Amino acid sequence: MTNISFDRYALGIAMKSQWTDAEDLGQVGAAVGKLNTYGVAVDLPEGDNAGVAALRAALDKFRDYMSMAVLEYSDACSLLGSGIASYSEDADSTETYNREATRTAASRLGVGEYF
């Protein structure tokens, strides 16, 4: 098996402390992952609502994949200089931090119930 390693210092990548795109994208990715898709379609008064259920399931998958994609962009920003140098060693705690920061921001904005 081949191991791939990335040395940001050997490539001359330096952290830019004024850039916040990695953190911002991380919080957006966490927020997208918490969006409620249930209310986008109303159950029909008759029938098995298979179409409504299929739409909700498709939206759930789209939400999850979109969240993962945005979080990957956040990871890339962290690795390529705008984030913290230690990010690549501890990606999971960074994503946990972003989820918690998103909940805090949503509560301050009065939309915490949506997350």
N, C-alpha and C. Protein backbone atom coordinates (compact mmCIF):
# COMPACT_ATOMS: atom_id res chain seq x y z
N MET A 1 0.84 -1.17 0.00
CA MET A 1 0.00 0.00 0.00
C MET A 1 0.89 1.24 0.00
N THR A 2 0.49 2.24 -0.73
CA THR A 2 1.24 3.48 -0.84
C THR A 2 0.74 4.49 0.18
N ASN A 3 1.67 5.16 0.82
CA ASN A 3 1.32 6.23 1.75
C ASN A 3 1.58 7.57 1.08
N ILE A 4 0.65 8.46 1.22
CA ILE A 4 0.80 9.81 0.68
C ILE A 4 1.03 10.74 1.86
N SER A 5 2.08 11.53 1.78
CA SER A 5 2.34 12.49 2.84
C SER A 5 2.36 13.90 2.25
N PHE A 6 2.05 14.86 3.09
CA PHE A 6 1.97 16.26 2.67
C PHE A 6 2.77 17.08 3.66
N ASP A 7 3.78 17.77 3.18
CA ASP A 7 4.62 18.60 4.04
C ASP A 7 4.41 20.06 3.65
N ARG A 8 3.57 20.76 4.39
CA ARG A 8 3.23 22.15 4.06
C ARG A 8 4.44 23.06 4.14
N TYR A 9 5.38 22.76 5.03
CA TYR A 9 6.56 23.61 5.18
C TYR A 9 7.53 23.42 4.02
N ALA A 10 7.67 22.18 3.56
CA ALA A 10 8.55 21.92 2.42
C ALA A 10 8.04 22.62 1.16
N LEU A 11 6.73 22.80 1.09
CA LEU A 11 6.13 23.48 -0.06
C LEU A 11 6.09 24.99 0.11
N GLY A 12 6.50 25.46 1.27
CA GLY A 12 6.51 26.91 1.50
C GLY A 12 5.15 27.48 1.86
N ILE A 13 4.25 26.64 2.34
CA ILE A 13 2.92 27.11 2.72
C ILE A 13 2.97 27.63 4.14
N ALA A 14 2.59 28.87 4.32
CA ALA A 14 2.60 29.49 5.65
C ALA A 14 1.19 29.86 6.05
N MET A 15 0.92 29.75 7.33
CA MET A 15 -0.40 30.11 7.83
C MET A 15 -0.63 31.61 7.69
N LYS A 16 -1.80 31.98 7.25
CA LYS A 16 -2.20 33.39 7.15
C LYS A 16 -3.23 33.64 8.24
N SER A 17 -2.81 34.25 9.32
CA SER A 17 -3.70 34.38 10.48
C SER A 17 -4.92 35.25 10.21
N GLN A 18 -4.85 36.14 9.24
CA GLN A 18 -5.99 37.02 8.97
C GLN A 18 -7.05 36.33 8.09
N TRP A 19 -6.71 35.21 7.51
CA TRP A 19 -7.68 34.49 6.68
C TRP A 19 -8.54 33.61 7.57
N THR A 20 -9.83 33.65 7.34
CA THR A 20 -10.75 32.83 8.15
C THR A 20 -11.58 31.91 7.28
N ASP A 21 -11.20 31.73 6.02
CA ASP A 21 -12.04 30.94 5.12
C ASP A 21 -12.19 29.49 5.57
N ALA A 22 -11.16 28.88 6.13
CA ALA A 22 -11.28 27.50 6.58
C ALA A 22 -12.32 27.38 7.69
N GLU A 23 -12.25 28.28 8.66
CA GLU A 23 -13.22 28.25 9.75
C GLU A 23 -14.62 28.60 9.25
N ASP A 24 -14.72 29.60 8.40
CA ASP A 24 -16.03 30.01 7.87
C ASP A 24 -16.68 28.87 7.09
N LEU A 25 -15.91 28.23 6.21
CA LEU A 25 -16.46 27.12 5.44
C LEU A 25 -16.80 25.94 6.34
N GLY A 26 -16.01 25.72 7.37
CA GLY A 26 -16.32 24.66 8.32
C GLY A 26 -17.65 24.88 9.00
N GLN A 27 -17.92 26.13 9.38
CA GLN A 27 -19.20 26.44 10.03
C GLN A 27 -20.35 26.35 9.04
N VAL A 28 -20.12 26.77 7.80
CA VAL A 28 -21.17 26.64 6.78
C VAL A 28 -21.47 25.16 6.54
N GLY A 29 -20.43 24.35 6.41
CA GLY A 29 -20.62 22.92 6.20
C GLY A 29 -21.39 22.27 7.34
N ALA A 30 -21.07 22.66 8.57
CA ALA A 30 -21.79 22.13 9.72
C ALA A 30 -23.24 22.58 9.70
N ALA A 31 -23.49 23.83 9.34
CA ALA A 31 -24.86 24.35 9.28
C ALA A 31 -25.67 23.66 8.19
N VAL A 32 -25.07 23.46 7.03
CA VAL A 32 -25.77 22.79 5.94
C VAL A 32 -26.17 21.37 6.37
N GLY A 33 -25.28 20.71 7.08
CA GLY A 33 -25.56 19.35 7.53
C GLY A 33 -26.70 19.25 8.53
N LYS A 34 -27.06 20.35 9.14
CA LYS A 34 -28.14 20.36 10.14
C LYS A 34 -29.47 20.88 9.59
N LEU A 35 -29.51 21.25 8.32
CA LEU A 35 -30.76 21.77 7.76
C LEU A 35 -31.87 20.73 7.84
N ASN A 36 -33.07 21.19 8.18
CA ASN A 36 -34.23 20.32 8.27
C ASN A 36 -34.91 20.26 6.91
N THR A 37 -34.96 19.08 6.33
CA THR A 37 -35.58 18.93 5.01
C THR A 37 -36.99 18.37 5.09
N TYR A 38 -37.46 18.01 6.27
CA TYR A 38 -38.77 17.38 6.38
C TYR A 38 -39.89 18.29 5.91
N GLY A 39 -39.83 19.57 6.25
CA GLY A 39 -40.92 20.49 5.96
C GLY A 39 -41.01 20.98 4.52
N VAL A 40 -40.12 20.53 3.65
CA VAL A 40 -40.17 21.02 2.27
C VAL A 40 -41.28 20.38 1.46
N ALA A 41 -41.81 19.26 1.94
CA ALA A 41 -42.89 18.58 1.24
C ALA A 41 -43.96 18.20 2.26
N VAL A 42 -45.20 18.44 1.90
CA VAL A 42 -46.32 18.17 2.79
C VAL A 42 -46.95 16.84 2.39
N ASP A 43 -47.28 16.03 3.39
CA ASP A 43 -47.95 14.77 3.10
C ASP A 43 -49.29 15.03 2.41
N LEU A 44 -49.57 14.24 1.41
CA LEU A 44 -50.84 14.35 0.71
C LEU A 44 -51.94 13.72 1.56
N PRO A 45 -53.19 14.20 1.41
CA PRO A 45 -54.27 13.68 2.25
C PRO A 45 -54.63 12.22 1.94
N GLU A 46 -54.30 11.75 0.75
CA GLU A 46 -54.62 10.37 0.38
C GLU A 46 -53.41 9.71 -0.25
N GLY A 47 -53.39 8.40 -0.20
CA GLY A 47 -52.32 7.65 -0.84
C GLY A 47 -51.18 7.36 0.13
N ASP A 48 -50.18 6.69 -0.40
CA ASP A 48 -49.07 6.26 0.47
C ASP A 48 -47.96 7.30 0.60
N ASN A 49 -48.08 8.40 -0.13
CA ASN A 49 -47.07 9.47 -0.06
C ASN A 49 -45.67 9.00 -0.41
N ALA A 50 -45.58 8.01 -1.28
CA ALA A 50 -44.27 7.48 -1.67
C ALA A 50 -43.43 8.56 -2.35
N GLY A 51 -44.06 9.40 -3.15
CA GLY A 51 -43.32 10.47 -3.82
C GLY A 51 -42.79 11.50 -2.85
N VAL A 52 -43.60 11.83 -1.85
CA VAL A 52 -43.18 12.78 -0.82
C VAL A 52 -42.01 12.20 -0.03
N ALA A 53 -42.12 10.93 0.33
CA ALA A 53 -41.04 10.27 1.08
C ALA A 53 -39.77 10.20 0.24
N ALA A 54 -39.91 9.92 -1.05
CA ALA A 54 -38.73 9.86 -1.93
C ALA A 54 -38.07 11.23 -2.06
N LEU A 55 -38.88 12.28 -2.15
CA LEU A 55 -38.32 13.64 -2.23
C LEU A 55 -37.56 13.98 -0.95
N ARG A 56 -38.15 13.68 0.19
CA ARG A 56 -37.47 13.95 1.46
C ARG A 56 -36.16 13.17 1.56
N ALA A 57 -36.18 11.91 1.15
CA ALA A 57 -34.97 11.09 1.20
C ALA A 57 -33.89 11.65 0.28
N ALA A 58 -34.30 12.09 -0.91
CA ALA A 58 -33.34 12.66 -1.86
C ALA A 58 -32.75 13.96 -1.31
N LEU A 59 -33.59 14.78 -0.68
CA LEU A 59 -33.10 16.02 -0.09
C LEU A 59 -32.16 15.76 1.08
N ASP A 60 -32.45 14.72 1.86
CA ASP A 60 -31.55 14.36 2.96
C ASP A 60 -30.18 13.98 2.42
N LYS A 61 -30.16 13.18 1.36
CA LYS A 61 -28.88 12.79 0.76
C LYS A 61 -28.16 14.00 0.19
N PHE A 62 -28.89 14.87 -0.51
CA PHE A 62 -28.27 16.07 -1.07
C PHE A 62 -27.68 16.93 0.04
N ARG A 63 -28.43 17.12 1.12
CA ARG A 63 -27.95 17.92 2.26
C ARG A 63 -26.66 17.31 2.82
N ASP A 64 -26.66 16.00 3.02
CA ASP A 64 -25.48 15.34 3.59
C ASP A 64 -24.27 15.46 2.67
N TYR A 65 -24.47 15.23 1.38
CA TYR A 65 -23.36 15.32 0.42
C TYR A 65 -22.86 16.76 0.29
N MET A 66 -23.77 17.72 0.30
CA MET A 66 -23.36 19.12 0.21
C MET A 66 -22.56 19.52 1.44
N SER A 67 -22.99 19.07 2.60
CA SER A 67 -22.25 19.35 3.83
C SER A 67 -20.85 18.77 3.75
N MET A 68 -20.74 17.52 3.30
CA MET A 68 -19.42 16.89 3.17
C MET A 68 -18.54 17.64 2.18
N ALA A 69 -19.12 18.10 1.09
CA ALA A 69 -18.34 18.83 0.08
C ALA A 69 -17.81 20.14 0.64
N VAL A 70 -18.66 20.88 1.34
CA VAL A 70 -18.22 22.16 1.92
C VAL A 70 -17.16 21.91 2.99
N LEU A 71 -17.32 20.86 3.79
CA LEU A 71 -16.31 20.54 4.80
C LEU A 71 -14.98 20.15 4.16
N GLU A 72 -15.03 19.50 3.01
CA GLU A 72 -13.79 19.17 2.30
C GLU A 72 -13.09 20.44 1.81
N TYR A 73 -13.86 21.42 1.36
CA TYR A 73 -13.25 22.70 0.97
C TYR A 73 -12.61 23.37 2.19
N SER A 74 -13.27 23.27 3.34
CA SER A 74 -12.69 23.80 4.57
C SER A 74 -11.37 23.11 4.88
N ASP A 75 -11.35 21.78 4.73
CA ASP A 75 -10.12 21.03 4.95
C ASP A 75 -9.01 21.50 4.02
N ALA A 76 -9.36 21.70 2.76
CA ALA A 76 -8.37 22.14 1.77
C ALA A 76 -7.82 23.51 2.14
N CYS A 77 -8.69 24.41 2.57
CA CYS A 77 -8.23 25.74 2.98
C CYS A 77 -7.28 25.64 4.16
N SER A 78 -7.58 24.77 5.09
CA SER A 78 -6.71 24.60 6.25
C SER A 78 -5.35 24.08 5.85
N LEU A 79 -5.34 23.12 4.96
CA LEU A 79 -4.07 22.52 4.54
C LEU A 79 -3.26 23.45 3.66
N LEU A 80 -3.92 24.34 2.97
CA LEU A 80 -3.21 25.19 2.00
C LEU A 80 -2.92 26.59 2.53
N GLY A 81 -2.93 26.76 3.83
CA GLY A 81 -2.39 27.99 4.36
C GLY A 81 -3.31 28.90 5.12
N SER A 82 -4.61 28.81 4.91
CA SER A 82 -5.48 29.77 5.58
C SER A 82 -5.92 29.30 6.95
N GLY A 83 -5.69 28.06 7.23
CA GLY A 83 -6.12 27.52 8.51
C GLY A 83 -4.98 27.39 9.48
N ILE A 84 -5.15 26.51 10.41
CA ILE A 84 -4.12 26.33 11.42
C ILE A 84 -3.15 25.26 10.98
N ALA A 85 -1.92 25.40 11.36
CA ALA A 85 -0.88 24.48 10.92
C ALA A 85 -1.10 23.07 11.44
N SER A 86 -1.69 22.93 12.60
CA SER A 86 -1.88 21.59 13.17
C SER A 86 -3.16 20.92 12.68
N TYR A 87 -3.89 21.56 11.78
CA TYR A 87 -5.18 21.01 11.35
C TYR A 87 -5.07 19.60 10.83
N SER A 88 -4.08 19.35 9.98
CA SER A 88 -4.00 18.05 9.32
C SER A 88 -3.82 16.92 10.32
N GLU A 89 -3.35 17.22 11.53
CA GLU A 89 -3.19 16.19 12.54
C GLU A 89 -4.47 15.97 13.34
N ASP A 90 -5.42 16.90 13.27
CA ASP A 90 -6.59 16.79 14.13
C ASP A 90 -7.85 17.31 13.45
N ALA A 91 -8.18 16.75 12.31
CA ALA A 91 -9.34 17.22 11.54
C ALA A 91 -10.65 16.99 12.27
N ASP A 92 -10.79 15.88 12.98
CA ASP A 92 -12.05 15.58 13.64
C ASP A 92 -12.40 16.61 14.71
N SER A 93 -11.43 17.02 15.51
CA SER A 93 -11.75 17.99 16.55
C SER A 93 -12.09 19.35 15.95
N THR A 94 -11.49 19.68 14.80
CA THR A 94 -11.82 20.93 14.12
C THR A 94 -13.26 20.91 13.64
N GLU A 95 -13.70 19.78 13.07
CA GLU A 95 -15.08 19.69 12.59
C GLU A 95 -16.05 19.70 13.76
N THR A 96 -15.68 19.09 14.89
CA THR A 96 -16.53 19.16 16.08
C THR A 96 -16.64 20.59 16.57
N TYR A 97 -15.51 21.30 16.59
CA TYR A 97 -15.51 22.71 16.97
C TYR A 97 -16.44 23.51 16.06
N ASN A 98 -16.39 23.26 14.76
CA ASN A 98 -17.23 24.00 13.82
C ASN A 98 -18.71 23.72 14.05
N ARG A 99 -19.07 22.47 14.35
CA ARG A 99 -20.47 22.16 14.64
C ARG A 99 -20.94 22.92 15.89
N GLU A 100 -20.09 22.95 16.93
CA GLU A 100 -20.46 23.65 18.16
C GLU A 100 -20.56 25.16 17.92
N ALA A 101 -19.64 25.71 17.14
CA ALA A 101 -19.68 27.15 16.82
C ALA A 101 -20.93 27.49 16.02
N THR A 102 -21.35 26.59 15.15
CA THR A 102 -22.56 26.81 14.35
C THR A 102 -23.79 26.83 15.25
N ARG A 103 -23.87 25.89 16.18
CA ARG A 103 -25.00 25.88 17.11
C ARG A 103 -25.05 27.16 17.95
N THR A 104 -23.89 27.60 18.41
CA THR A 104 -23.82 28.82 19.21
C THR A 104 -24.28 30.03 18.39
N ALA A 105 -23.80 30.13 17.16
CA ALA A 105 -24.19 31.25 16.30
C ALA A 105 -25.68 31.20 15.99
N ALA A 106 -26.21 30.01 15.73
CA ALA A 106 -27.64 29.88 15.43
C ALA A 106 -28.48 30.29 16.63
N SER A 107 -28.04 29.94 17.82
CA SER A 107 -28.77 30.33 19.03
C SER A 107 -28.77 31.84 19.20
N ARG A 108 -27.62 32.47 18.95
CA ARG A 108 -27.54 33.93 19.07
C ARG A 108 -28.44 34.62 18.05
N LEU A 109 -28.60 34.01 16.88
CA LEU A 109 -29.43 34.60 15.83
C LEU A 109 -30.91 34.26 15.99
N GLY A 110 -31.22 33.40 16.96
CA GLY A 110 -32.61 33.04 17.19
C GLY A 110 -33.13 31.98 16.25
N VAL A 111 -32.25 31.25 15.60
CA VAL A 111 -32.68 30.18 14.69
C VAL A 111 -32.13 28.83 15.14
N GLY A 112 -31.82 28.70 16.42
CA GLY A 112 -31.24 27.48 16.95
C GLY A 112 -32.13 26.26 16.77
N GLU A 113 -33.44 26.47 16.74
CA GLU A 113 -34.35 25.33 16.60
C GLU A 113 -34.23 24.65 15.24
N TYR A 114 -33.63 25.32 14.26
CA TYR A 114 -33.46 24.73 12.94
C TYR A 114 -32.23 23.85 12.86
N PHE A 115 -31.40 23.88 13.89
CA PHE A 115 -30.18 23.08 13.91
C PHE A 115 -30.28 22.09 15.02
